[in-house]
Amino acid sequence: MAGPRMIVAGLVLAALAGENAVPGYALVFAGTGSMLAAALVLVLSAADKRAAAVKQGFFPLLAVVILGAGVALG
């Protein structure tokens, strides 16, 4: 499970980097983005697994939206 490890590494880098937090943001986006992509593949490939895919993809989507808003607002 590389996704959760990349998220933790990204959060640590973002917390320690201060103003130079771009590598941390990139790792968090990569980790959560990969989990979100997996949920999207599950939704598109198996109709009977849509409920599981929604559960799997909700928090990564929330994380991407919140981090994206945080980065955009500076």
Protein backbone atom coordinates (compact mmCIF):
# COMPACT_ATOMS: atom_id res chain seq x y z
CA MET A 1 0.00 0.00 0.00
CA ALA A 2 2.13 2.84 -1.28
CA GLY A 3 -0.72 5.37 -1.10
CA PRO A 4 -0.96 5.74 2.70
CA ARG A 5 2.84 5.81 3.05
CA MET A 6 3.11 8.55 0.45
CA ILE A 7 0.42 10.54 2.23
CA VAL A 8 2.23 10.28 5.58
CA ALA A 9 5.55 11.18 3.96
CA GLY A 10 3.91 14.13 2.21
CA LEU A 11 2.32 15.41 5.40
CA VAL A 12 5.66 15.19 7.22
CA LEU A 13 7.44 17.03 4.42
CA ALA A 14 4.71 19.68 4.25
CA ALA A 15 4.85 20.21 8.02
CA LEU A 16 8.63 20.47 8.14
CA ALA A 17 9.19 22.43 4.94
CA GLY A 18 7.32 25.59 5.85
CA GLU A 19 7.16 27.75 2.74
CA ASN A 20 8.85 25.10 0.56
CA ALA A 21 6.08 22.54 0.97
CA VAL A 22 5.65 21.70 -2.72
CA PRO A 23 7.27 18.22 -2.48
CA GLY A 24 4.99 17.37 0.42
CA TYR A 25 1.93 18.55 -1.46
CA ALA A 26 3.00 16.52 -4.48
CA LEU A 27 3.29 13.36 -2.40
CA VAL A 28 -0.08 13.90 -0.75
CA PHE A 29 -1.72 14.53 -4.14
CA ALA A 30 -0.02 11.42 -5.58
CA GLY A 31 -1.10 9.21 -2.68
CA THR A 32 -4.67 10.38 -2.46
CA GLY A 33 -4.94 10.68 -6.23
CA SER A 34 -3.95 7.05 -6.70
CA MET A 35 -6.56 5.92 -4.18
CA LEU A 36 -9.17 8.09 -5.90
CA ALA A 37 -8.20 6.64 -9.27
CA ALA A 38 -8.58 3.10 -7.90
CA ALA A 39 -12.08 3.93 -6.71
CA LEU A 40 -12.93 5.41 -10.11
CA VAL A 41 -11.70 2.26 -11.88
CA LEU A 42 -13.84 0.17 -9.53
CA VAL A 43 -16.93 2.30 -10.29
CA LEU A 44 -16.39 2.06 -14.04
CA SER A 45 -15.51 -1.63 -14.17
CA ALA A 46 -18.06 -3.28 -11.88
CA ALA A 47 -21.57 -1.96 -11.40
CA ASP A 48 -22.20 -4.28 -8.46
CA LYS A 49 -19.28 -2.74 -6.55
CA ARG A 50 -20.32 0.90 -6.82
CA ALA A 51 -21.23 1.20 -3.13
CA ALA A 52 -17.79 -0.07 -2.13
CA ALA A 53 -16.14 2.26 -4.64
CA VAL A 54 -17.99 5.26 -3.23
CA LYS A 55 -16.86 4.33 0.28
CA GLN A 56 -13.31 3.79 -0.96
CA GLY A 57 -13.15 7.06 -2.87
CA PHE A 58 -14.95 9.48 -0.55
CA PHE A 59 -12.07 10.40 1.76
CA PRO A 60 -9.41 10.60 -0.99
CA LEU A 61 -11.75 12.90 -2.94
CA LEU A 62 -12.29 15.02 0.14
CA ALA A 63 -8.53 15.18 0.75
CA VAL A 64 -7.80 16.21 -2.84
CA VAL A 65 -10.47 18.92 -2.77
CA ILE A 66 -9.38 20.33 0.60
CA LEU A 67 -5.66 20.25 -0.23
CA GLY A 68 -6.33 21.75 -3.64
CA ALA A 69 -8.31 24.57 -2.04
CA GLY A 70 -5.57 25.09 0.53
CA VAL A 71 -2.87 25.28 -2.12
CA ALA A 72 -4.98 27.58 -4.32
CA LEU A 73 -5.74 29.95 -1.45
CA GLY A 74 -2.12 29.99 -0.41
